[in-house]
Amino acid sequence: MLTSCHDSSLVVDRLRDLARGQNTTVGYFYFDFTARKELSAADILRSLLKQMINEMEIVPGEILKGLREQRRADGHETELVKIVQMLQLIASSQRTFLCIDALGECGGVQRAKVLESLKQILDKSPGTRIFVTGGSSIGVEIEEHLSGRVASVSADPRKDDIITYIRARLAKDKTADAMDECLEADILEKTQGNISGM
């Protein structure tokens, strides 16, 4: 699991490039840790579904029917079931990549529902590929839900990489009076002390 939204966007961009004209669809979702509203599993999967439908030249009748039924659904649970069914239909008819960045930012109950939904999609379409990023703390959870179908890659940031990144960001600061060498040194010192917790 990677830990950077930037890394995830590179993966998504590459997949989208490879998907063009190949009967392949790519859906992606980036969690925003600053978002105040708790997203439901239905919200997340609906976003993936919309993207995939928008990429289709012709939307199959079953999907159109599912969309009409989803609008009439009474609550998130019923809606989630309909969304998963439509994602299963799409994934079984074409090569599918689903990318979810920073899944650890999703609340525990909703995260479990997302993972269970992904498992259901994989059950119907084992050729579907899922790329999930998040902290190491959710690795066990992912393995529980998607057991036997997970390849985990640790990409912990190195201390030097983080310091280089912070220096580059500080150098781009547009307010010249706000930053001096002393403040920069203080920021770097404090950051280095907290890197191990990232």
N, C-alpha and C. Protein backbone atom coordinates (compact mmCIF):
# COMPACT_ATOMS: atom_id res chain seq x y z
N MET A 1 0.83 -1.18 0.00
CA MET A 1 0.00 0.00 0.00
C MET A 1 0.88 1.24 0.00
N LEU A 2 0.61 2.14 -0.88
CA LEU A 2 1.33 3.39 -0.93
C LEU A 2 0.70 4.37 0.04
N THR A 3 1.42 5.43 0.33
CA THR A 3 0.87 6.38 1.29
C THR A 3 0.71 7.78 0.72
N SER A 4 0.92 7.97 -0.55
CA SER A 4 0.87 9.31 -1.10
C SER A 4 -0.18 9.45 -2.18
N CYS A 5 -1.01 10.50 -2.07
CA CYS A 5 -2.01 10.78 -3.09
C CYS A 5 -1.33 11.03 -4.43
N HIS A 6 -0.14 11.66 -4.39
CA HIS A 6 0.60 11.92 -5.63
C HIS A 6 0.93 10.61 -6.32
N ASP A 7 1.41 9.60 -5.55
CA ASP A 7 1.71 8.30 -6.13
C ASP A 7 0.45 7.67 -6.72
N SER A 8 -0.66 7.79 -6.03
CA SER A 8 -1.91 7.22 -6.51
C SER A 8 -2.35 7.87 -7.81
N SER A 9 -2.22 9.18 -7.90
CA SER A 9 -2.64 9.85 -9.13
C SER A 9 -1.77 9.43 -10.30
N LEU A 10 -0.50 9.13 -10.06
CA LEU A 10 0.37 8.63 -11.12
C LEU A 10 -0.12 7.27 -11.61
N VAL A 11 -0.51 6.42 -10.67
CA VAL A 11 -1.03 5.10 -11.03
C VAL A 11 -2.32 5.24 -11.84
N VAL A 12 -3.23 6.09 -11.38
CA VAL A 12 -4.50 6.29 -12.08
C VAL A 12 -4.25 6.85 -13.48
N ASP A 13 -3.37 7.85 -13.60
CA ASP A 13 -3.07 8.42 -14.92
C ASP A 13 -2.52 7.35 -15.86
N ARG A 14 -1.63 6.53 -15.36
CA ARG A 14 -1.03 5.46 -16.18
C ARG A 14 -2.09 4.46 -16.61
N LEU A 15 -2.95 4.06 -15.69
CA LEU A 15 -4.01 3.11 -16.03
C LEU A 15 -4.96 3.69 -17.06
N ARG A 16 -5.32 4.96 -16.90
CA ARG A 16 -6.22 5.61 -17.86
C ARG A 16 -5.60 5.68 -19.25
N ASP A 17 -4.30 5.96 -19.29
CA ASP A 17 -3.61 5.97 -20.58
C ASP A 17 -3.66 4.60 -21.24
N LEU A 18 -3.41 3.56 -20.45
CA LEU A 18 -3.42 2.20 -20.98
C LEU A 18 -4.82 1.73 -21.36
N ALA A 19 -5.84 2.29 -20.71
CA ALA A 19 -7.22 1.85 -20.92
C ALA A 19 -7.83 2.37 -22.22
N ARG A 20 -7.32 3.48 -22.74
CA ARG A 20 -7.93 4.10 -23.93
C ARG A 20 -8.05 3.11 -25.08
N GLY A 21 -9.28 2.94 -25.55
CA GLY A 21 -9.54 2.09 -26.70
C GLY A 21 -9.34 0.60 -26.45
N GLN A 22 -9.29 0.18 -25.20
CA GLN A 22 -9.00 -1.21 -24.88
C GLN A 22 -10.15 -1.95 -24.19
N ASN A 23 -11.37 -1.44 -24.24
CA ASN A 23 -12.49 -2.03 -23.52
C ASN A 23 -12.13 -2.23 -22.04
N THR A 24 -11.55 -1.19 -21.49
CA THR A 24 -11.09 -1.19 -20.11
C THR A 24 -11.61 0.07 -19.43
N THR A 25 -12.00 -0.07 -18.18
CA THR A 25 -12.49 1.09 -17.44
C THR A 25 -11.70 1.25 -16.15
N VAL A 26 -11.54 2.50 -15.74
CA VAL A 26 -10.80 2.82 -14.53
C VAL A 26 -11.68 3.72 -13.67
N GLY A 27 -11.90 3.34 -12.43
CA GLY A 27 -12.61 4.17 -11.47
C GLY A 27 -11.68 4.47 -10.31
N TYR A 28 -11.73 5.70 -9.80
CA TYR A 28 -10.82 6.06 -8.71
C TYR A 28 -11.53 6.98 -7.72
N PHE A 29 -11.06 6.91 -6.49
CA PHE A 29 -11.61 7.74 -5.43
C PHE A 29 -10.46 8.16 -4.52
N TYR A 30 -10.34 9.47 -4.28
CA TYR A 30 -9.32 10.01 -3.39
C TYR A 30 -9.99 10.54 -2.13
N PHE A 31 -9.63 9.98 -0.99
CA PHE A 31 -10.15 10.50 0.27
C PHE A 31 -9.45 11.81 0.60
N ASP A 32 -10.20 12.73 1.16
CA ASP A 32 -9.66 14.01 1.60
C ASP A 32 -9.73 14.01 3.13
N PHE A 33 -8.56 13.93 3.76
CA PHE A 33 -8.56 13.83 5.23
C PHE A 33 -9.11 15.09 5.89
N THR A 34 -9.21 16.18 5.15
CA THR A 34 -9.73 17.41 5.75
C THR A 34 -11.25 17.52 5.62
N ALA A 35 -11.85 16.59 4.85
CA ALA A 35 -13.30 16.65 4.65
C ALA A 35 -14.00 16.45 5.99
N ARG A 36 -14.96 17.28 6.26
CA ARG A 36 -15.67 17.20 7.54
C ARG A 36 -16.76 16.13 7.52
N LYS A 37 -17.36 15.91 6.37
CA LYS A 37 -18.50 15.00 6.29
C LYS A 37 -18.02 13.56 6.16
N GLU A 38 -18.59 12.69 6.94
CA GLU A 38 -18.29 11.26 6.85
C GLU A 38 -18.98 10.71 5.60
N LEU A 39 -18.19 10.18 4.70
CA LEU A 39 -18.75 9.61 3.48
C LEU A 39 -19.21 8.19 3.76
N SER A 40 -20.32 7.82 3.14
CA SER A 40 -20.80 6.45 3.28
C SER A 40 -20.16 5.59 2.20
N ALA A 41 -20.21 4.29 2.38
CA ALA A 41 -19.72 3.36 1.36
C ALA A 41 -20.48 3.58 0.06
N ALA A 42 -21.78 3.87 0.16
CA ALA A 42 -22.58 4.13 -1.05
C ALA A 42 -22.07 5.36 -1.78
N ASP A 43 -21.69 6.42 -1.05
CA ASP A 43 -21.14 7.63 -1.67
C ASP A 43 -19.87 7.31 -2.47
N ILE A 44 -19.01 6.55 -1.85
CA ILE A 44 -17.71 6.22 -2.46
C ILE A 44 -17.91 5.37 -3.71
N LEU A 45 -18.70 4.32 -3.59
CA LEU A 45 -18.91 3.42 -4.72
C LEU A 45 -19.75 4.08 -5.82
N ARG A 46 -20.64 4.97 -5.43
CA ARG A 46 -21.42 5.71 -6.44
C ARG A 46 -20.49 6.57 -7.29
N SER A 47 -19.50 7.17 -6.65
CA SER A 47 -18.52 7.97 -7.38
C SER A 47 -17.77 7.11 -8.40
N LEU A 48 -17.34 5.92 -7.99
CA LEU A 48 -16.68 5.00 -8.91
C LEU A 48 -17.60 4.64 -10.07
N LEU A 49 -18.86 4.34 -9.74
CA LEU A 49 -19.83 3.94 -10.76
C LEU A 49 -20.06 5.05 -11.78
N LYS A 50 -20.23 6.28 -11.31
CA LYS A 50 -20.46 7.41 -12.22
C LYS A 50 -19.31 7.57 -13.21
N GLN A 51 -18.09 7.47 -12.70
CA GLN A 51 -16.93 7.60 -13.58
C GLN A 51 -16.92 6.52 -14.64
N MET A 52 -17.23 5.30 -14.23
CA MET A 52 -17.18 4.18 -15.17
C MET A 52 -18.28 4.30 -16.22
N ILE A 53 -19.46 4.73 -15.81
CA ILE A 53 -20.56 4.91 -16.76
C ILE A 53 -20.21 6.03 -17.74
N ASN A 54 -19.61 7.11 -17.25
CA ASN A 54 -19.23 8.22 -18.13
C ASN A 54 -18.23 7.81 -19.19
N GLU A 55 -17.45 6.78 -18.94
CA GLU A 55 -16.47 6.30 -19.91
C GLU A 55 -17.08 5.39 -20.97
N MET A 56 -18.29 4.91 -20.74
CA MET A 56 -18.91 3.96 -21.67
C MET A 56 -19.51 4.68 -22.88
N GLU A 57 -19.27 4.12 -24.05
CA GLU A 57 -19.89 4.68 -25.26
C GLU A 57 -21.38 4.35 -25.27
N ILE A 58 -21.71 3.12 -24.91
CA ILE A 58 -23.10 2.68 -24.84
C ILE A 58 -23.32 2.08 -23.46
N VAL A 59 -24.30 2.61 -22.74
CA VAL A 59 -24.61 2.10 -21.41
C VAL A 59 -25.61 0.96 -21.56
N PRO A 60 -25.24 -0.25 -21.11
CA PRO A 60 -26.14 -1.40 -21.25
C PRO A 60 -27.49 -1.18 -20.55
N GLY A 61 -28.54 -1.79 -21.09
CA GLY A 61 -29.89 -1.67 -20.54
C GLY A 61 -29.97 -2.06 -19.08
N GLU A 62 -29.23 -3.10 -18.68
CA GLU A 62 -29.26 -3.54 -17.28
C GLU A 62 -28.76 -2.44 -16.34
N ILE A 63 -27.74 -1.69 -16.80
CA ILE A 63 -27.20 -0.61 -15.98
C ILE A 63 -28.22 0.52 -15.89
N LEU A 64 -28.85 0.87 -17.02
CA LEU A 64 -29.88 1.92 -17.00
C LEU A 64 -31.01 1.54 -16.06
N LYS A 65 -31.42 0.27 -16.12
CA LYS A 65 -32.47 -0.21 -15.22
C LYS A 65 -32.02 -0.11 -13.76
N GLY A 66 -30.77 -0.49 -13.50
CA GLY A 66 -30.23 -0.40 -12.15
C GLY A 66 -30.18 1.02 -11.63
N LEU A 67 -29.85 1.96 -12.52
CA LEU A 67 -29.82 3.37 -12.12
C LEU A 67 -31.22 3.86 -11.74
N ARG A 68 -32.22 3.44 -12.50
CA ARG A 68 -33.61 3.82 -12.16
C ARG A 68 -34.01 3.22 -10.82
N GLU A 69 -33.65 1.96 -10.59
CA GLU A 69 -33.99 1.31 -9.31
C GLU A 69 -33.24 1.97 -8.15
N GLN A 70 -32.01 2.36 -8.41
CA GLN A 70 -31.21 3.00 -7.35
C GLN A 70 -31.84 4.31 -6.91
N ARG A 71 -32.38 5.04 -7.84
CA ARG A 71 -33.04 6.31 -7.48
C ARG A 71 -34.23 6.09 -6.55
N ARG A 72 -34.85 4.93 -6.68
CA ARG A 72 -36.02 4.64 -5.84
C ARG A 72 -35.63 3.91 -4.55
N ALA A 73 -34.35 3.62 -4.39
CA ALA A 73 -33.90 2.85 -3.22
C ALA A 73 -34.21 3.62 -1.94
N ASP A 74 -34.57 2.87 -0.91
CA ASP A 74 -34.94 3.50 0.37
C ASP A 74 -33.82 3.36 1.40
N GLY A 75 -32.82 4.17 1.27
CA GLY A 75 -31.75 4.15 2.26
C GLY A 75 -30.44 3.66 1.68
N HIS A 76 -29.35 3.90 2.44
CA HIS A 76 -28.01 3.60 1.95
C HIS A 76 -27.77 2.11 1.74
N GLU A 77 -28.35 1.25 2.58
CA GLU A 77 -28.09 -0.18 2.44
C GLU A 77 -28.65 -0.72 1.12
N THR A 78 -29.90 -0.38 0.82
CA THR A 78 -30.50 -0.81 -0.43
C THR A 78 -29.76 -0.19 -1.60
N GLU A 79 -29.42 1.08 -1.46
CA GLU A 79 -28.70 1.79 -2.52
C GLU A 79 -27.34 1.14 -2.75
N LEU A 80 -26.63 0.79 -1.68
CA LEU A 80 -25.33 0.16 -1.80
C LEU A 80 -25.42 -1.15 -2.56
N VAL A 81 -26.42 -1.95 -2.26
CA VAL A 81 -26.61 -3.23 -2.95
C VAL A 81 -26.76 -3.01 -4.45
N LYS A 82 -27.58 -2.03 -4.84
CA LYS A 82 -27.81 -1.73 -6.26
C LYS A 82 -26.52 -1.25 -6.94
N ILE A 83 -25.79 -0.39 -6.24
CA ILE A 83 -24.54 0.12 -6.81
C ILE A 83 -23.54 -1.01 -7.03
N VAL A 84 -23.41 -1.89 -6.04
CA VAL A 84 -22.49 -3.02 -6.17
C VAL A 84 -22.92 -3.91 -7.33
N GLN A 85 -24.21 -4.15 -7.48
CA GLN A 85 -24.69 -4.97 -8.61
C GLN A 85 -24.31 -4.35 -9.94
N MET A 86 -24.45 -3.03 -10.06
CA MET A 86 -24.09 -2.36 -11.32
C MET A 86 -22.58 -2.41 -11.55
N LEU A 87 -21.80 -2.24 -10.50
CA LEU A 87 -20.35 -2.35 -10.64
C LEU A 87 -19.95 -3.78 -11.04
N GLN A 88 -20.65 -4.76 -10.50
CA GLN A 88 -20.39 -6.15 -10.89
C GLN A 88 -20.67 -6.37 -12.37
N LEU A 89 -21.77 -5.80 -12.86
CA LEU A 89 -22.11 -5.92 -14.27
C LEU A 89 -21.03 -5.31 -15.16
N ILE A 90 -20.60 -4.12 -14.80
CA ILE A 90 -19.56 -3.46 -15.60
C ILE A 90 -18.26 -4.27 -15.55
N ALA A 91 -17.86 -4.67 -14.34
CA ALA A 91 -16.59 -5.38 -14.17
C ALA A 91 -16.59 -6.73 -14.88
N SER A 92 -17.76 -7.35 -15.00
CA SER A 92 -17.81 -8.66 -15.67
C SER A 92 -17.86 -8.51 -17.19
N SER A 93 -18.13 -7.29 -17.69
CA SER A 93 -18.23 -7.10 -19.14
C SER A 93 -16.97 -6.47 -19.75
N GLN A 94 -16.09 -5.92 -18.91
CA GLN A 94 -14.86 -5.34 -19.43
C GLN A 94 -13.79 -5.34 -18.35
N ARG A 95 -12.56 -5.24 -18.78
CA ARG A 95 -11.45 -5.19 -17.83
C ARG A 95 -11.62 -3.95 -16.95
N THR A 96 -11.47 -4.12 -15.64
CA THR A 96 -11.78 -3.05 -14.71
C THR A 96 -10.68 -2.86 -13.68
N PHE A 97 -10.34 -1.59 -13.45
CA PHE A 97 -9.40 -1.21 -12.40
C PHE A 97 -10.12 -0.24 -11.47
N LEU A 98 -10.08 -0.53 -10.18
CA LEU A 98 -10.67 0.36 -9.17
C LEU A 98 -9.54 0.81 -8.25
N CYS A 99 -9.41 2.12 -8.08
CA CYS A 99 -8.34 2.69 -7.27
C CYS A 99 -8.95 3.54 -6.16
N ILE A 100 -8.55 3.26 -4.93
CA ILE A 100 -9.04 4.03 -3.79
C ILE A 100 -7.83 4.49 -2.99
N ASP A 101 -7.68 5.79 -2.88
CA ASP A 101 -6.53 6.36 -2.20
C ASP A 101 -6.89 6.75 -0.76
N ALA A 102 -6.00 6.45 0.16
CA ALA A 102 -6.12 6.84 1.58
C ALA A 102 -7.37 6.26 2.23
N LEU A 103 -7.59 4.97 2.01
CA LEU A 103 -8.77 4.31 2.59
C LEU A 103 -8.80 4.42 4.11
N GLY A 104 -7.66 4.58 4.73
CA GLY A 104 -7.61 4.72 6.18
C GLY A 104 -8.34 5.96 6.68
N GLU A 105 -8.58 6.93 5.80
CA GLU A 105 -9.32 8.15 6.18
C GLU A 105 -10.82 7.89 6.27
N CYS A 106 -11.26 6.75 5.77
CA CYS A 106 -12.68 6.39 5.82
C CYS A 106 -12.99 5.82 7.20
N GLY A 107 -14.12 6.20 7.77
CA GLY A 107 -14.51 5.69 9.09
C GLY A 107 -14.60 4.17 9.11
N GLY A 108 -14.35 3.57 10.25
CA GLY A 108 -14.25 2.11 10.37
C GLY A 108 -15.43 1.34 9.84
N VAL A 109 -16.66 1.74 10.17
CA VAL A 109 -17.85 1.01 9.72
C VAL A 109 -17.98 1.13 8.20
N GLN A 110 -17.83 2.33 7.69
CA GLN A 110 -17.96 2.54 6.24
C GLN A 110 -16.81 1.87 5.48
N ARG A 111 -15.62 1.89 6.06
CA ARG A 111 -14.47 1.22 5.43
C ARG A 111 -14.74 -0.27 5.29
N ALA A 112 -15.30 -0.88 6.32
CA ALA A 112 -15.62 -2.30 6.25
C ALA A 112 -16.65 -2.57 5.14
N LYS A 113 -17.62 -1.67 5.00
CA LYS A 113 -18.63 -1.84 3.94
C LYS A 113 -18.00 -1.68 2.55
N VAL A 114 -17.07 -0.73 2.41
CA VAL A 114 -16.37 -0.57 1.13
C VAL A 114 -15.60 -1.85 0.79
N LEU A 115 -14.85 -2.36 1.76
CA LEU A 115 -14.06 -3.56 1.53
C LEU A 115 -14.95 -4.78 1.22
N GLU A 116 -16.06 -4.90 1.92
CA GLU A 116 -16.99 -5.99 1.64
C GLU A 116 -17.57 -5.86 0.23
N SER A 117 -17.87 -4.64 -0.17
CA SER A 117 -18.39 -4.40 -1.52
C SER A 117 -17.36 -4.76 -2.58
N LEU A 118 -16.10 -4.39 -2.33
CA LEU A 118 -15.03 -4.74 -3.26
C LEU A 118 -14.88 -6.26 -3.37
N LYS A 119 -15.03 -6.94 -2.24
CA LYS A 119 -14.98 -8.41 -2.25
C LYS A 119 -16.10 -8.98 -3.12
N GLN A 120 -17.29 -8.43 -3.01
CA GLN A 120 -18.42 -8.90 -3.81
C GLN A 120 -18.17 -8.67 -5.30
N ILE A 121 -17.56 -7.54 -5.63
CA ILE A 121 -17.23 -7.26 -7.04
C ILE A 121 -16.21 -8.28 -7.54
N LEU A 122 -15.18 -8.55 -6.73
CA LEU A 122 -14.17 -9.54 -7.11
C LEU A 122 -14.76 -10.94 -7.24
N ASP A 123 -15.72 -11.27 -6.39
CA ASP A 123 -16.36 -12.60 -6.47
C ASP A 123 -17.02 -12.81 -7.83
N LYS A 124 -17.65 -11.76 -8.36
CA LYS A 124 -18.34 -11.85 -9.66
C LYS A 124 -17.39 -11.66 -10.83
N SER A 125 -16.30 -10.96 -10.59
CA SER A 125 -15.36 -10.64 -11.66
C SER A 125 -13.93 -10.73 -11.15
N PRO A 126 -13.39 -11.96 -11.07
CA PRO A 126 -12.06 -12.14 -10.50
C PRO A 126 -10.94 -11.42 -11.28
N GLY A 127 -11.21 -11.01 -12.52
CA GLY A 127 -10.21 -10.30 -13.30
C GLY A 127 -10.09 -8.83 -12.95
N THR A 128 -10.99 -8.33 -12.12
CA THR A 128 -10.94 -6.94 -11.69
C THR A 128 -9.70 -6.73 -10.84
N ARG A 129 -9.06 -5.61 -11.04
CA ARG A 129 -7.88 -5.26 -10.25
C ARG A 129 -8.21 -4.06 -9.37
N ILE A 130 -7.82 -4.15 -8.11
CA ILE A 130 -8.11 -3.10 -7.14
C ILE A 130 -6.80 -2.61 -6.55
N PHE A 131 -6.64 -1.30 -6.54
CA PHE A 131 -5.45 -0.65 -6.00
C PHE A 131 -5.91 0.22 -4.84
N VAL A 132 -5.42 -0.09 -3.64
CA VAL A 132 -5.83 0.65 -2.44
C VAL A 132 -4.59 1.16 -1.75
N THR A 133 -4.62 2.42 -1.34
CA THR A 133 -3.53 2.95 -0.53
C THR A 133 -4.06 3.30 0.85
N GLY A 134 -3.17 3.27 1.79
CA GLY A 134 -3.54 3.62 3.15
C GLY A 134 -2.39 3.30 4.07
N GLY A 135 -2.52 3.68 5.29
CA GLY A 135 -1.49 3.40 6.27
C GLY A 135 -1.42 1.91 6.58
N SER A 136 -0.34 1.51 7.20
CA SER A 136 -0.14 0.09 7.52
C SER A 136 -1.22 -0.44 8.45
N SER A 137 -1.89 0.43 9.18
CA SER A 137 -2.90 -0.02 10.14
C SER A 137 -4.10 -0.67 9.46
N ILE A 138 -4.37 -0.37 8.20
CA ILE A 138 -5.53 -0.98 7.55
C ILE A 138 -5.16 -2.21 6.73
N GLY A 139 -3.87 -2.53 6.69
CA GLY A 139 -3.42 -3.70 5.93
C GLY A 139 -4.09 -4.98 6.39
N VAL A 140 -4.19 -5.16 7.69
CA VAL A 140 -4.81 -6.37 8.25
C VAL A 140 -6.29 -6.42 7.86
N GLU A 141 -6.94 -5.29 7.91
CA GLU A 141 -8.36 -5.20 7.55
C GLU A 141 -8.58 -5.56 6.08
N ILE A 142 -7.72 -5.04 5.24
CA ILE A 142 -7.83 -5.35 3.81
C ILE A 142 -7.62 -6.85 3.59
N GLU A 143 -6.62 -7.40 4.25
CA GLU A 143 -6.34 -8.83 4.13
C GLU A 143 -7.52 -9.67 4.61
N GLU A 144 -8.18 -9.25 5.69
CA GLU A 144 -9.35 -9.97 6.19
C GLU A 144 -10.46 -10.04 5.16
N HIS A 145 -10.74 -8.91 4.52
CA HIS A 145 -11.86 -8.85 3.58
C HIS A 145 -11.52 -9.43 2.21
N LEU A 146 -10.29 -9.27 1.79
CA LEU A 146 -9.91 -9.68 0.44
C LEU A 146 -8.86 -10.78 0.49
N SER A 147 -8.95 -11.64 1.49
CA SER A 147 -7.93 -12.65 1.74
C SER A 147 -7.61 -13.47 0.48
N GLY A 148 -6.32 -13.69 0.31
CA GLY A 148 -5.86 -14.48 -0.82
C GLY A 148 -5.80 -13.71 -2.12
N ARG A 149 -6.26 -12.49 -2.13
CA ARG A 149 -6.30 -11.69 -3.37
C ARG A 149 -5.49 -10.41 -3.24
N VAL A 150 -4.64 -10.36 -2.22
CA VAL A 150 -3.96 -9.11 -1.90
C VAL A 150 -2.45 -9.27 -2.09
N ALA A 151 -1.88 -8.30 -2.78
CA ALA A 151 -0.42 -8.16 -2.81
C ALA A 151 -0.13 -6.82 -2.17
N SER A 152 0.55 -6.83 -1.07
CA SER A 152 0.80 -5.60 -0.32
C SER A 152 2.22 -5.13 -0.56
N VAL A 153 2.36 -3.84 -0.80
CA VAL A 153 3.66 -3.24 -1.02
C VAL A 153 3.81 -2.11 -0.01
N SER A 154 4.86 -2.15 0.77
CA SER A 154 5.10 -1.09 1.72
C SER A 154 5.92 0.00 1.05
N ALA A 155 5.46 1.21 1.18
CA ALA A 155 6.17 2.34 0.57
C ALA A 155 6.29 3.46 1.60
N ASP A 156 6.91 3.12 2.70
CA ASP A 156 7.07 4.12 3.75
C ASP A 156 8.01 5.22 3.29
N PRO A 157 7.67 6.46 3.58
CA PRO A 157 8.53 7.56 3.15
C PRO A 157 9.85 7.54 3.93
N ARG A 158 10.93 7.81 3.22
CA ARG A 158 12.23 7.91 3.88
C ARG A 158 12.39 9.32 4.43
N LYS A 159 13.12 9.42 5.51
CA LYS A 159 13.33 10.71 6.18
C LYS A 159 13.92 11.74 5.20
N ASP A 160 14.91 11.33 4.41
CA ASP A 160 15.55 12.25 3.46
C ASP A 160 14.55 12.76 2.42
N ASP A 161 13.64 11.88 1.97
CA ASP A 161 12.64 12.28 0.97
C ASP A 161 11.71 13.36 1.54
N ILE A 162 11.32 13.18 2.79
CA ILE A 162 10.41 14.13 3.41
C ILE A 162 11.09 15.48 3.61
N ILE A 163 12.32 15.46 4.06
CA ILE A 163 13.06 16.71 4.26
C ILE A 163 13.25 17.43 2.92
N THR A 164 13.61 16.69 1.89
CA THR A 164 13.78 17.28 0.55
C THR A 164 12.48 17.91 0.08
N TYR A 165 11.38 17.21 0.30
CA TYR A 165 10.06 17.73 -0.10
C TYR A 165 9.74 19.03 0.66
N ILE A 166 9.95 19.02 1.96
CA ILE A 166 9.64 20.22 2.77
C ILE A 166 10.51 21.40 2.33
N ARG A 167 11.79 21.15 2.10
CA ARG A 167 12.67 22.24 1.64
C ARG A 167 12.18 22.82 0.32
N ALA A 168 11.78 21.95 -0.59
CA ALA A 168 11.28 22.41 -1.90
C ALA A 168 10.02 23.24 -1.73
N ARG A 169 9.12 22.82 -0.84
CA ARG A 169 7.88 23.57 -0.61
C ARG A 169 8.17 24.93 0.04
N LEU A 170 9.09 24.95 1.00
CA LEU A 170 9.44 26.20 1.64
C LEU A 170 10.10 27.16 0.65
N ALA A 171 10.88 26.63 -0.29
CA ALA A 171 11.54 27.47 -1.29
C ALA A 171 10.53 28.13 -2.23
N LYS A 172 9.35 27.51 -2.38
CA LYS A 172 8.32 28.05 -3.27
C LYS A 172 7.42 29.06 -2.57
N ASP A 173 7.66 29.31 -1.30
CA ASP A 173 6.84 30.24 -0.54
C ASP A 173 6.90 31.63 -1.18
N LYS A 174 5.75 32.19 -1.49
CA LYS A 174 5.66 33.48 -2.19
C LYS A 174 5.83 34.69 -1.27
N THR A 175 5.66 34.49 0.02
CA THR A 175 5.78 35.61 0.95
C THR A 175 7.19 35.62 1.54
N ALA A 176 8.04 36.39 0.89
CA ALA A 176 9.47 36.40 1.24
C ALA A 176 9.72 36.80 2.69
N ASP A 177 8.94 37.71 3.23
CA ASP A 177 9.16 38.19 4.59
C ASP A 177 8.76 37.17 5.66
N ALA A 178 7.94 36.21 5.29
CA ALA A 178 7.41 35.27 6.27
C ALA A 178 8.43 34.20 6.66
N MET A 179 9.43 33.94 5.81
CA MET A 179 10.35 32.83 6.06
C MET A 179 11.78 33.35 6.11
N ASP A 180 12.49 32.98 7.16
CA ASP A 180 13.92 33.27 7.21
C ASP A 180 14.63 31.96 7.53
N GLU A 181 15.95 31.97 7.53
CA GLU A 181 16.73 30.75 7.74
C GLU A 181 16.44 30.13 9.11
N CYS A 182 16.25 30.97 10.10
CA CYS A 182 16.00 30.49 11.46
C CYS A 182 14.67 29.73 11.54
N LEU A 183 13.62 30.31 10.92
CA LEU A 183 12.31 29.65 10.93
C LEU A 183 12.34 28.35 10.14
N GLU A 184 13.03 28.39 8.98
CA GLU A 184 13.15 27.17 8.17
C GLU A 184 13.85 26.07 8.96
N ALA A 185 14.94 26.41 9.64
CA ALA A 185 15.67 25.43 10.45
C ALA A 185 14.79 24.86 11.55
N ASP A 186 13.98 25.72 12.18
CA ASP A 186 13.08 25.29 13.24
C ASP A 186 12.03 24.32 12.70
N ILE A 187 11.46 24.64 11.54
CA ILE A 187 10.46 23.76 10.91
C ILE A 187 11.07 22.40 10.60
N LEU A 188 12.26 22.40 10.01
CA LEU A 188 12.91 21.14 9.65
C LEU A 188 13.25 20.31 10.89
N GLU A 189 13.70 20.99 11.95
CA GLU A 189 14.05 20.28 13.18
C GLU A 189 12.81 19.60 13.79
N LYS A 190 11.72 20.37 13.87
CA LYS A 190 10.49 19.82 14.45
C LYS A 190 9.93 18.68 13.58
N THR A 191 10.01 18.86 12.29
CA THR A 191 9.50 17.84 11.37
C THR A 191 10.28 16.55 11.52
N GLN A 192 11.60 16.64 11.60
CA GLN A 192 12.42 15.45 11.72
C GLN A 192 12.08 14.65 12.97
N GLY A 193 11.70 15.35 14.01
CA GLY A 193 11.33 14.66 15.23
C GLY A 193 10.01 13.92 15.12
N ASN A 194 9.17 14.31 14.19
CA ASN A 194 7.84 13.68 14.04
C ASN A 194 7.74 12.72 12.87
N ILE A 195 8.79 12.58 12.09
CA ILE A 195 8.73 11.75 10.88
C ILE A 195 8.43 10.30 11.21
N SER A 196 8.95 9.78 12.29
CA SER A 196 8.76 8.37 12.60
C SER A 196 7.29 8.01 12.78
N GLY A 197 6.45 8.98 13.09
CA GLY A 197 5.03 8.71 13.27
C GLY A 197 4.22 8.77 12.00
N MET A 198 4.85 9.09 10.88
CA MET A 198 4.12 9.23 9.63
C MET A 198 3.89 7.89 8.98
